[in-house]
């Protein structure tokens, strides 16, 4: 029984779960069908090679954060902005390379067209992408060669160490205790900011999948009027045995997956799509589905409109439990 099972669900609930095959294909991981000793063997074999890559990633990220924090104290705001704009692409390319990825960029001209549209509106761009791994924002920053503001919880601004980093990078703090905290913060930012300010980067899915489909887009951020949105499709071209999703049902599978993911030779393709905006008679939900379907068509994957978060963890946990008990029909594994 997994650690998640002990905390959240009974065996009866897991055995009664109806695991839809389409959703299984969206979240599936080949590791779940293997004996546990396979996981341990892979962990041991990959450990030395992947630890080196992890060390390089940590070192690269730490050097960027330290330099950004140090320069923030000695440089004027405008000079600091110019430093980030000129160096963020280099730092993020180094991080992507350290993680063992080749970077391929397509449709970069669409970003330049979005910049022109943003200047007409005198507002930043809302950059959005599908969410496949923790490397996603770094791949996008490296591809566009531009800094952007990420969304973080506002509590990070209350601690000196984290506050220094999130202000230097920089980030936007939101109050997650309020129902519309994120939307209110973004509306305020896009109203006050100009086209020369930092763009904003979000994941409209709100959680990761394995890259075989898109989760239901959260419509809140799509309600921002007159905002230029730039959809970006991330495709991790890995060997067939490597799944890029996390959210595994046990800490062991989480760890094994991350090691296996970084240990494989692979390419991340960043496909920049044409910019878009909310239509005059279009609701936020319709706009979200329109963008999602456009991205799904580009990636050649289904837009399954599934929920995410705790539901995905329950699905994984029930799937593992039913496999262990022999309850998952064999024909659905094929």
Protein backbone atom coordinates (compact mmCIF):
# COMPACT_ATOMS: atom_id res chain seq x y z
CA UNK A 1 0.00 0.00 0.00
CA UNK A 2 1.42 3.42 -0.92
CA UNK A 3 2.09 6.29 1.45
CA UNK A 4 -0.67 8.30 -0.21
CA UNK A 5 -3.13 5.45 0.31
CA UNK A 6 -2.50 5.36 4.05
CA UNK A 7 -3.23 9.06 4.34
CA UNK A 8 -6.25 9.50 2.12
CA UNK A 9 -8.22 6.50 0.90
CA UNK A 10 -9.38 3.07 2.02
CA UNK A 11 -8.75 -0.11 0.04
CA UNK A 12 -12.49 -0.33 -0.69
CA UNK A 13 -12.47 3.14 -2.29
CA UNK A 14 -9.43 2.32 -4.42
CA UNK A 15 -10.83 -1.03 -5.56
CA UNK A 16 -14.18 0.55 -6.46
CA UNK A 17 -12.57 3.32 -8.56
CA UNK A 18 -13.62 3.25 -12.21
CA UNK A 19 -10.40 3.94 -14.10
CA UNK A 20 -11.27 5.34 -17.50
CA UNK A 21 -8.96 3.99 -20.21
CA UNK A 22 -8.55 7.34 -21.99
CA UNK A 23 -7.45 8.98 -18.78
CA UNK A 24 -5.13 6.05 -18.12
CA UNK A 25 -3.41 6.71 -21.45
CA UNK A 26 -3.02 10.39 -20.50
CA UNK A 27 -1.36 9.70 -17.15
CA UNK A 28 0.15 6.24 -17.66
CA UNK A 29 3.69 5.42 -16.63
CA UNK A 30 5.42 2.25 -17.78
CA UNK A 31 7.17 2.06 -14.40
CA UNK A 32 3.92 1.19 -12.66
CA UNK A 33 3.68 -2.15 -14.47
CA UNK A 34 7.15 -3.32 -13.40
CA UNK A 35 8.10 -5.28 -10.25
CA UNK A 36 9.50 -3.23 -7.41
CA UNK A 37 12.95 -4.79 -7.75
CA UNK A 38 13.13 -3.27 -11.26
CA UNK A 39 12.70 0.17 -9.68
CA UNK A 40 15.50 -0.45 -7.21
CA UNK A 41 17.84 -1.82 -9.91
CA UNK A 42 17.24 1.22 -12.13
CA UNK A 43 17.85 3.54 -9.20
CA UNK A 44 21.24 1.95 -8.49
CA UNK A 45 22.37 1.83 -12.14
CA UNK A 46 21.42 5.43 -12.92
CA UNK A 47 22.54 6.99 -9.66
CA UNK A 48 26.17 8.02 -10.50
CA UNK A 49 25.34 9.39 -13.96
CA UNK A 50 22.25 11.32 -12.95
CA UNK A 51 23.77 12.71 -9.74
CA UNK A 52 26.34 14.51 -11.89
CA UNK A 53 23.57 16.11 -13.94
CA UNK A 54 21.64 17.05 -10.82
CA UNK A 55 24.78 18.65 -9.40
CA UNK A 56 25.27 20.67 -12.59
CA UNK A 57 21.63 21.82 -12.53
CA UNK A 58 21.86 22.89 -8.89
CA UNK A 59 25.17 24.67 -9.49
CA UNK A 60 23.83 26.54 -12.53
CA UNK A 61 20.63 27.60 -10.78
CA UNK A 62 22.51 28.64 -7.63
CA UNK A 63 25.00 30.76 -9.58
CA UNK A 64 22.16 32.55 -11.38
CA UNK A 65 20.25 33.24 -8.13
CA UNK A 66 23.36 34.41 -6.27
CA UNK A 67 24.41 36.73 -9.10
CA UNK A 68 20.87 38.14 -9.43
CA UNK A 69 20.61 38.77 -5.68
CA UNK A 70 24.06 40.35 -5.47
CA UNK A 71 23.55 42.61 -8.48
CA UNK A 72 20.14 43.71 -7.23
CA UNK A 73 21.80 45.41 -4.28
CA UNK A 74 24.38 47.31 -6.35
CA UNK A 75 22.59 48.05 -9.63
CA UNK A 76 19.74 50.51 -10.29
CA UNK A 77 16.40 48.91 -11.21
CA UNK A 78 16.67 49.74 -14.90
CA UNK A 79 20.22 48.39 -15.14
CA UNK A 80 19.14 45.24 -13.33
CA UNK A 81 16.29 44.85 -15.81
CA UNK A 82 18.72 45.10 -18.71
CA UNK A 83 21.00 42.53 -17.08
CA UNK A 84 18.17 40.03 -16.75
CA UNK A 85 17.00 40.60 -20.31
CA UNK A 86 20.49 40.06 -21.68
CA UNK A 87 21.51 37.09 -19.51
CA UNK A 88 18.37 35.07 -18.72
CA UNK A 89 18.49 33.18 -22.01
CA UNK A 90 22.12 32.19 -21.45
CA UNK A 91 21.50 31.02 -17.88
CA UNK A 92 18.43 29.00 -18.78
CA UNK A 93 20.06 27.40 -21.81
CA UNK A 94 22.90 26.34 -19.51
CA UNK A 95 20.39 24.85 -17.07
CA UNK A 96 18.51 22.97 -19.81
CA UNK A 97 21.79 21.61 -21.17
CA UNK A 98 22.95 20.61 -17.68
CA UNK A 99 19.77 18.57 -17.28
CA UNK A 100 20.71 16.60 -20.42
CA UNK A 101 18.40 18.22 -22.97
CA UNK A 102 18.87 19.55 -26.47
CA UNK A 103 16.68 22.57 -27.16
CA UNK A 104 14.76 22.98 -30.43
CA UNK A 105 12.77 26.18 -31.01
CA UNK A 106 10.00 26.52 -33.59
CA UNK A 107 7.82 29.50 -34.50
CA UNK A 108 9.98 32.13 -32.80
CA UNK A 109 8.66 34.72 -35.25
CA UNK A 110 5.28 34.41 -33.50
CA UNK A 111 6.85 35.77 -30.32
CA UNK A 112 8.10 38.86 -32.17
CA UNK A 113 4.61 39.40 -33.63
CA UNK A 114 3.11 39.09 -30.15
CA UNK A 115 5.58 41.74 -28.95
CA UNK A 116 4.31 44.10 -31.62
CA UNK A 117 0.70 43.48 -30.59
CA UNK A 118 1.61 43.99 -26.93
CA UNK A 119 3.20 47.36 -27.75
CA UNK A 120 -0.03 48.45 -29.43
CA UNK A 121 -1.92 47.57 -26.22
CA UNK A 122 0.93 48.95 -24.09
CA UNK A 123 0.77 45.88 -21.85
CA UNK A 124 2.92 42.79 -21.25
CA UNK A 125 2.27 39.38 -22.82
CA UNK A 126 0.61 36.51 -20.97
CA UNK A 127 2.77 33.51 -21.88
CA UNK A 128 1.24 30.08 -21.29
CA UNK A 129 2.32 26.50 -21.95
CA UNK A 130 1.35 22.93 -21.26
CA UNK A 131 2.89 21.58 -18.05
CA UNK A 132 5.06 18.49 -18.45
CA UNK A 133 7.97 18.87 -16.02
CA UNK A 134 9.75 21.24 -13.63
CA UNK A 135 12.03 22.20 -16.52
CA UNK A 136 9.19 23.84 -18.48
CA UNK A 137 9.69 27.52 -17.50
CA UNK A 138 13.44 27.27 -18.03
CA UNK A 139 12.95 25.80 -21.52
CA UNK A 140 10.53 28.61 -22.40
CA UNK A 141 12.86 31.33 -21.04
CA UNK A 142 15.77 29.84 -22.96
CA UNK A 143 13.74 29.64 -26.18
CA UNK A 144 12.35 33.20 -26.01
CA UNK A 145 15.58 34.61 -24.55
CA UNK A 146 13.58 36.85 -22.25
CA UNK A 147 12.79 37.06 -18.52
CA UNK A 148 9.21 36.87 -17.27
CA UNK A 149 7.37 36.97 -13.97
CA UNK A 150 6.28 33.68 -12.47
CA UNK A 151 3.39 33.32 -10.02
CA UNK A 152 4.38 32.42 -6.44
CA UNK A 153 2.55 32.50 -3.11
CA UNK A 154 2.89 35.87 -1.38
CA UNK A 155 4.22 34.26 1.83
CA UNK A 156 7.60 33.87 0.13
CA UNK A 157 7.97 37.66 0.24
CA UNK A 158 7.82 37.58 4.05
CA UNK A 159 11.09 35.65 4.45
CA UNK A 160 14.34 37.51 3.83
CA UNK A 161 16.13 34.72 1.93
CA UNK A 162 13.24 33.79 -0.38
CA UNK A 163 12.11 37.40 -0.65
CA UNK A 164 15.50 38.46 -2.00
CA UNK A 165 15.43 35.77 -4.68
CA UNK A 166 11.80 36.23 -5.83
CA UNK A 167 12.26 40.00 -5.99
CA UNK A 168 15.49 39.71 -7.97
CA UNK A 169 14.28 37.10 -10.49
CA UNK A 170 11.42 38.63 -10.30
CA UNK A 171 8.09 37.00 -9.37
CA UNK A 172 4.50 38.03 -8.61
CA UNK A 173 3.12 37.18 -5.18
CA UNK A 174 -0.51 36.13 -4.96
CA UNK A 175 -2.82 35.52 -2.00
CA UNK A 176 -3.98 31.95 -2.49
CA UNK A 177 -6.35 32.16 0.50
CA UNK A 178 -8.68 34.38 -1.55
CA UNK A 179 -10.88 32.75 -4.17
CA UNK A 180 -9.90 35.17 -6.94
CA UNK A 181 -6.50 36.14 -5.56
CA UNK A 182 -4.56 35.17 -8.68
CA UNK A 183 -6.98 36.87 -11.07
CA UNK A 184 -7.11 40.08 -9.03
CA UNK A 185 -3.32 40.24 -8.85
CA UNK A 186 -2.92 39.67 -12.59
CA UNK A 187 -5.61 42.22 -13.45
CA UNK A 188 -3.81 44.80 -11.32
CA UNK A 189 -0.45 43.98 -12.87
CA UNK A 190 -1.65 44.11 -16.49
CA UNK A 191 -3.51 47.36 -15.81
CA UNK A 192 -0.48 49.10 -14.33
CA UNK A 193 2.35 47.54 -16.38
CA UNK A 194 3.47 48.62 -19.85
CA UNK A 195 4.76 46.65 -22.82
CA UNK A 196 8.32 47.26 -21.61
CA UNK A 197 7.68 45.50 -18.30
CA UNK A 198 8.20 41.81 -17.64
CA UNK A 199 5.83 39.34 -19.27
CA UNK A 200 3.90 36.83 -17.15
CA UNK A 201 4.22 33.06 -17.45
CA UNK A 202 1.50 30.62 -16.34
CA UNK A 203 0.46 26.97 -16.65
CA UNK A 204 -3.29 27.01 -17.47
CA UNK A 205 -3.53 23.27 -16.69
CA UNK A 206 -2.41 23.84 -13.11
CA UNK A 207 -0.71 20.42 -12.90
CA UNK A 208 1.49 18.09 -14.91
CA UNK A 209 0.51 15.27 -17.25
CA UNK A 210 2.80 12.87 -19.11
CA UNK A 211 2.67 14.87 -22.34
CA UNK A 212 0.17 12.51 -23.99
CA UNK A 213 -2.71 14.94 -23.61
CA UNK A 214 -3.84 18.25 -22.09
CA UNK A 215 -5.70 18.62 -18.82
CA UNK A 216 -8.70 20.91 -18.47
CA UNK A 217 -7.55 24.55 -18.71
CA UNK A 218 -8.50 26.76 -15.76
CA UNK A 219 -10.57 29.60 -17.30
CA UNK A 220 -9.83 32.33 -14.72
CA UNK A 221 -6.72 33.78 -16.38
CA UNK A 222 -8.50 33.78 -19.75
CA UNK A 223 -10.94 36.43 -18.48
CA UNK A 224 -8.32 39.18 -18.73
CA UNK A 225 -9.60 41.58 -21.41
CA UNK A 226 -7.28 43.03 -24.06
CA UNK A 227 -4.40 40.84 -22.91
CA UNK A 228 -2.20 39.36 -25.62
CA UNK A 229 -1.80 35.64 -24.92
CA UNK A 230 1.05 33.61 -26.38
CA UNK A 231 0.44 29.83 -26.32
CA UNK A 232 3.55 27.64 -26.30
CA UNK A 233 3.61 23.87 -26.81
CA UNK A 234 6.32 21.88 -25.04
CA UNK A 235 7.12 18.45 -26.38
CA UNK A 236 9.69 16.23 -24.70
CA UNK A 237 11.02 13.78 -27.27
CA UNK A 238 12.16 10.95 -25.01
CA UNK A 239 12.74 7.24 -25.61
CA UNK A 240 9.50 5.21 -25.48
CA UNK A 241 10.23 3.85 -22.01
CA UNK A 242 10.54 7.30 -20.43
CA UNK A 243 7.42 9.03 -19.12
CA UNK A 244 7.84 12.72 -18.33
CA UNK A 245 5.03 13.01 -15.77
CA UNK A 246 5.63 13.16 -12.06
CA UNK A 247 2.71 12.77 -9.60
CA UNK A 248 3.53 9.08 -9.10
CA UNK A 249 1.65 7.19 -6.35
CA UNK A 250 4.67 6.53 -4.11
CA UNK A 251 7.82 8.48 -3.15
CA UNK A 252 9.92 5.62 -4.62
CA UNK A 253 8.24 5.96 -8.03
CA UNK A 254 8.65 9.75 -7.84
CA UNK A 255 12.38 9.39 -7.22
CA UNK A 256 12.90 6.62 -9.81
CA UNK A 257 10.99 8.56 -12.42
CA UNK A 258 12.99 11.77 -11.90
CA UNK A 259 16.26 9.84 -12.16
CA UNK A 260 15.13 7.98 -15.28
CA UNK A 261 13.88 11.18 -16.87
CA UNK A 262 17.20 13.00 -16.41
CA UNK A 263 19.23 9.94 -17.37
CA UNK A 264 17.83 9.57 -20.89
CA UNK A 265 19.09 11.38 -23.99
CA UNK A 266 16.31 13.63 -25.20
CA UNK A 267 15.19 16.85 -26.84
CA UNK A 268 12.66 19.42 -25.68
CA UNK A 269 10.83 21.12 -28.54
CA UNK A 270 9.46 24.60 -27.80
CA UNK A 271 6.77 25.41 -30.38
CA UNK A 272 5.61 29.06 -30.21
CA UNK A 273 2.08 29.45 -31.62
CA UNK A 274 0.50 32.66 -32.99
CA UNK A 275 -0.71 35.07 -30.30
CA UNK A 276 -4.40 35.35 -29.53
CA UNK A 277 -6.89 37.40 -27.50
CA UNK A 278 -10.31 37.05 -25.91
CA UNK A 279 -13.07 37.44 -28.52
CA UNK A 280 -15.77 40.10 -28.16
CA UNK A 281 -18.61 37.62 -27.59
CA UNK A 282 -16.47 34.83 -26.15
CA UNK A 283 -16.62 33.67 -22.54
CA UNK A 284 -13.47 32.92 -20.57
CA UNK A 285 -14.28 29.19 -20.60
CA UNK A 286 -14.79 29.19 -24.38
CA UNK A 287 -11.54 31.11 -24.85
CA UNK A 288 -9.68 28.62 -22.63
CA UNK A 289 -11.05 25.65 -24.59
CA UNK A 290 -10.21 27.33 -27.90
CA UNK A 291 -6.57 27.84 -26.92
CA UNK A 292 -6.39 24.33 -25.43
CA UNK A 293 -7.73 22.73 -28.60
CA UNK A 294 -5.26 24.73 -30.70
CA UNK A 295 -2.39 23.51 -28.54
CA UNK A 296 -3.69 19.93 -28.53
CA UNK A 297 -3.90 19.95 -32.33
CA UNK A 298 -0.31 21.22 -32.58
CA UNK A 299 0.93 18.54 -30.17
CA UNK A 300 -1.29 15.91 -31.84
CA UNK A 301 -2.70 14.86 -28.47
CA UNK A 302 -6.26 14.86 -27.06
CA UNK A 303 -7.67 17.68 -24.94
CA UNK A 304 -9.26 15.39 -22.39
CA UNK A 305 -10.72 18.14 -20.22
CA UNK A 306 -9.87 16.17 -17.10
CA UNK A 307 -9.43 17.70 -13.69
CA UNK A 308 -6.04 17.63 -12.01
CA UNK A 309 -4.33 17.90 -8.64
CA UNK A 310 -5.71 15.56 -5.97
CA UNK A 311 -7.84 13.74 -8.56
CA UNK A 312 -4.68 12.81 -10.47
CA UNK A 313 -3.02 11.53 -7.29
CA UNK A 314 -6.11 9.44 -6.49
CA UNK A 315 -6.10 8.04 -10.02
CA UNK A 316 -2.45 7.02 -9.78
CA UNK A 317 -2.93 5.52 -6.32
CA UNK A 318 -6.00 3.54 -7.39
CA UNK A 319 -4.23 2.41 -10.55
CA UNK A 320 -1.23 1.12 -8.62
CA UNK A 321 -3.47 -0.56 -6.02
CA UNK A 322 -5.57 -2.31 -8.68
CA UNK A 323 -2.42 -3.48 -10.48
CA UNK A 324 -1.02 -4.95 -7.28
CA UNK A 325 -4.32 -6.71 -6.57
CA UNK A 326 -4.69 -7.97 -10.16
CA UNK A 327 -7.94 -6.02 -10.64
CA UNK A 328 -6.90 -3.97 -13.67
CA UNK A 329 -8.02 -5.83 -16.86
CA UNK A 330 -5.04 -7.05 -18.87
CA UNK A 331 -6.41 -5.78 -22.17
CA UNK A 332 -6.33 -2.22 -20.83
CA UNK A 333 -2.59 -2.40 -20.29
CA UNK A 334 -1.91 -2.94 -23.98
